[in-house]
Amino acid sequence: QALTEIAAWVDDQLELFRLAITDENWKAVADIKTYFCASHDAFIRVHQMILRHDVIAAVKST
């Protein structure tokens, strides 16, 4: 389920990014871009979910 949520979040952000570019809304483009910065809270949460999923998968495979 975590991967589905991550994929949906990334897809939503990319769609908003595309719409902002189409509308030439450069402030929105810049705001969305920060979500993919390694120091942004949302990016850190997504990264932690991915790591947690990888750890769980590794433990299950042993």
C-alpha atoms as a PDB file:
ATOM      1  CA  GLN A   1       0.000   0.000   0.000  1.00  0.00           C
ATOM      2  CA  ALA A   2       2.868   2.401   0.747  1.00  0.00           C
ATOM      3  CA  LEU A   3       4.187   2.057  -2.788  1.00  0.00           C
ATOM      4  CA  THR A   4       0.750   2.790  -4.205  1.00  0.00           C
ATOM      5  CA  GLU A   5       0.536   5.926  -2.075  1.00  0.00           C
ATOM      6  CA  ILE A   6       4.028   7.019  -3.113  1.00  0.00           C
ATOM      7  CA  ALA A   7       3.277   6.465  -6.779  1.00  0.00           C
ATOM      8  CA  ALA A   8       0.003   8.391  -6.484  1.00  0.00           C
ATOM      9  CA  TRP A   9       1.710  11.295  -4.692  1.00  0.00           C
ATOM     10  CA  VAL A  10       4.495  11.513  -7.285  1.00  0.00           C
ATOM     11  CA  ASP A  11       1.977  11.247 -10.129  1.00  0.00           C
ATOM     12  CA  ASP A  12      -0.145  14.018  -8.598  1.00  0.00           C
ATOM     13  CA  GLN A  13       2.858  16.294  -8.172  1.00  0.00           C
ATOM     14  CA  LEU A  14       4.040  15.697 -11.733  1.00  0.00           C
ATOM     15  CA  GLU A  15       0.557  16.428 -13.085  1.00  0.00           C
ATOM     16  CA  LEU A  16       0.408  19.670 -11.097  1.00  0.00           C
ATOM     17  CA  PHE A  17       3.895  20.499 -12.386  1.00  0.00           C
ATOM     18  CA  ARG A  18       2.816  19.932 -16.001  1.00  0.00           C
ATOM     19  CA  LEU A  19      -0.298  22.066 -15.516  1.00  0.00           C
ATOM     20  CA  ALA A  20       1.702  24.867 -13.911  1.00  0.00           C
ATOM     21  CA  ILE A  21       4.138  24.866 -16.835  1.00  0.00           C
ATOM     22  CA  THR A  22       1.256  24.918 -19.323  1.00  0.00           C
ATOM     23  CA  ASP A  23      -0.288  27.862 -17.457  1.00  0.00           C
ATOM     24  CA  GLU A  24       3.132  29.529 -17.165  1.00  0.00           C
ATOM     25  CA  ASN A  25       2.623  29.652 -13.409  1.00  0.00           C
ATOM     26  CA  TRP A  26       6.306  29.802 -12.502  1.00  0.00           C
ATOM     27  CA  LYS A  27       5.665  30.253  -8.770  1.00  0.00           C
ATOM     28  CA  ALA A  28       3.736  26.973  -8.681  1.00  0.00           C
ATOM     29  CA  VAL A  29       6.491  25.315 -10.730  1.00  0.00           C
ATOM     30  CA  ALA A  30       9.087  26.486  -8.200  1.00  0.00           C
ATOM     31  CA  ASP A  31       6.928  25.378  -5.252  1.00  0.00           C
ATOM     32  CA  ILE A  32       6.379  21.888  -6.670  1.00  0.00           C
ATOM     33  CA  LYS A  33      10.055  21.603  -7.567  1.00  0.00           C
ATOM     34  CA  THR A  34      10.974  22.057  -3.887  1.00  0.00           C
ATOM     35  CA  TYR A  35       8.977  18.917  -2.999  1.00  0.00           C
ATOM     36  CA  PHE A  36      11.653  16.906  -4.790  1.00  0.00           C
ATOM     37  CA  CYS A  37      14.503  18.568  -2.878  1.00  0.00           C
ATOM     38  CA  ALA A  38      16.290  16.217  -0.479  1.00  0.00           C
ATOM     39  CA  SER A  39      15.740  18.634   2.407  1.00  0.00           C
ATOM     40  CA  HIS A  40      11.957  18.982   1.909  1.00  0.00           C
ATOM     41  CA  ASP A  41       9.746  17.186   4.455  1.00  0.00           C
ATOM     42  CA  ALA A  42       7.623  15.496   1.780  1.00  0.00           C
ATOM     43  CA  PHE A  43      10.688  14.150  -0.030  1.00  0.00           C
ATOM     44  CA  ILE A  44      12.139  12.847   3.239  1.00  0.00           C
ATOM     45  CA  ARG A  45       8.856  11.077   4.118  1.00  0.00           C
ATOM     46  CA  VAL A  46       8.667   9.469   0.677  1.00  0.00           C
ATOM     47  CA  HIS A  47      12.295   8.380   0.918  1.00  0.00           C
ATOM     48  CA  GLN A  48      11.682   6.886   4.374  1.00  0.00           C
ATOM     49  CA  MET A  49       8.649   4.945   3.095  1.00  0.00           C
ATOM     50  CA  ILE A  50      10.729   3.532   0.247  1.00  0.00           C
ATOM     51  CA  LEU A  51      13.522   2.514   2.629  1.00  0.00           C
ATOM     52  CA  ARG A  52      11.027   0.941   5.040  1.00  0.00           C
ATOM     53  CA  HIS A  53       9.481  -1.032   2.176  1.00  0.00           C
ATOM     54  CA  ASP A  54      12.941  -2.217   1.080  1.00  0.00           C
ATOM     55  CA  VAL A  55      13.832  -3.316   4.614  1.00  0.00           C
ATOM     56  CA  ILE A  56      10.550  -5.207   5.036  1.00  0.00           C
ATOM     57  CA  ALA A  57      11.054  -6.921   1.671  1.00  0.00           C
ATOM     58  CA  ALA A  58      14.624  -7.867   2.611  1.00  0.00           C
ATOM     59  CA  VAL A  59      13.533  -9.311   5.960  1.00  0.00           C
ATOM     60  CA  LYS A  60      10.744 -11.336   4.326  1.00  0.00           C
ATOM     61  CA  SER A  61      13.140 -12.791   1.762  1.00  0.00           C
ATOM     62  CA  THR A  62      15.490 -14.211   4.412  1.00  0.00           C
END
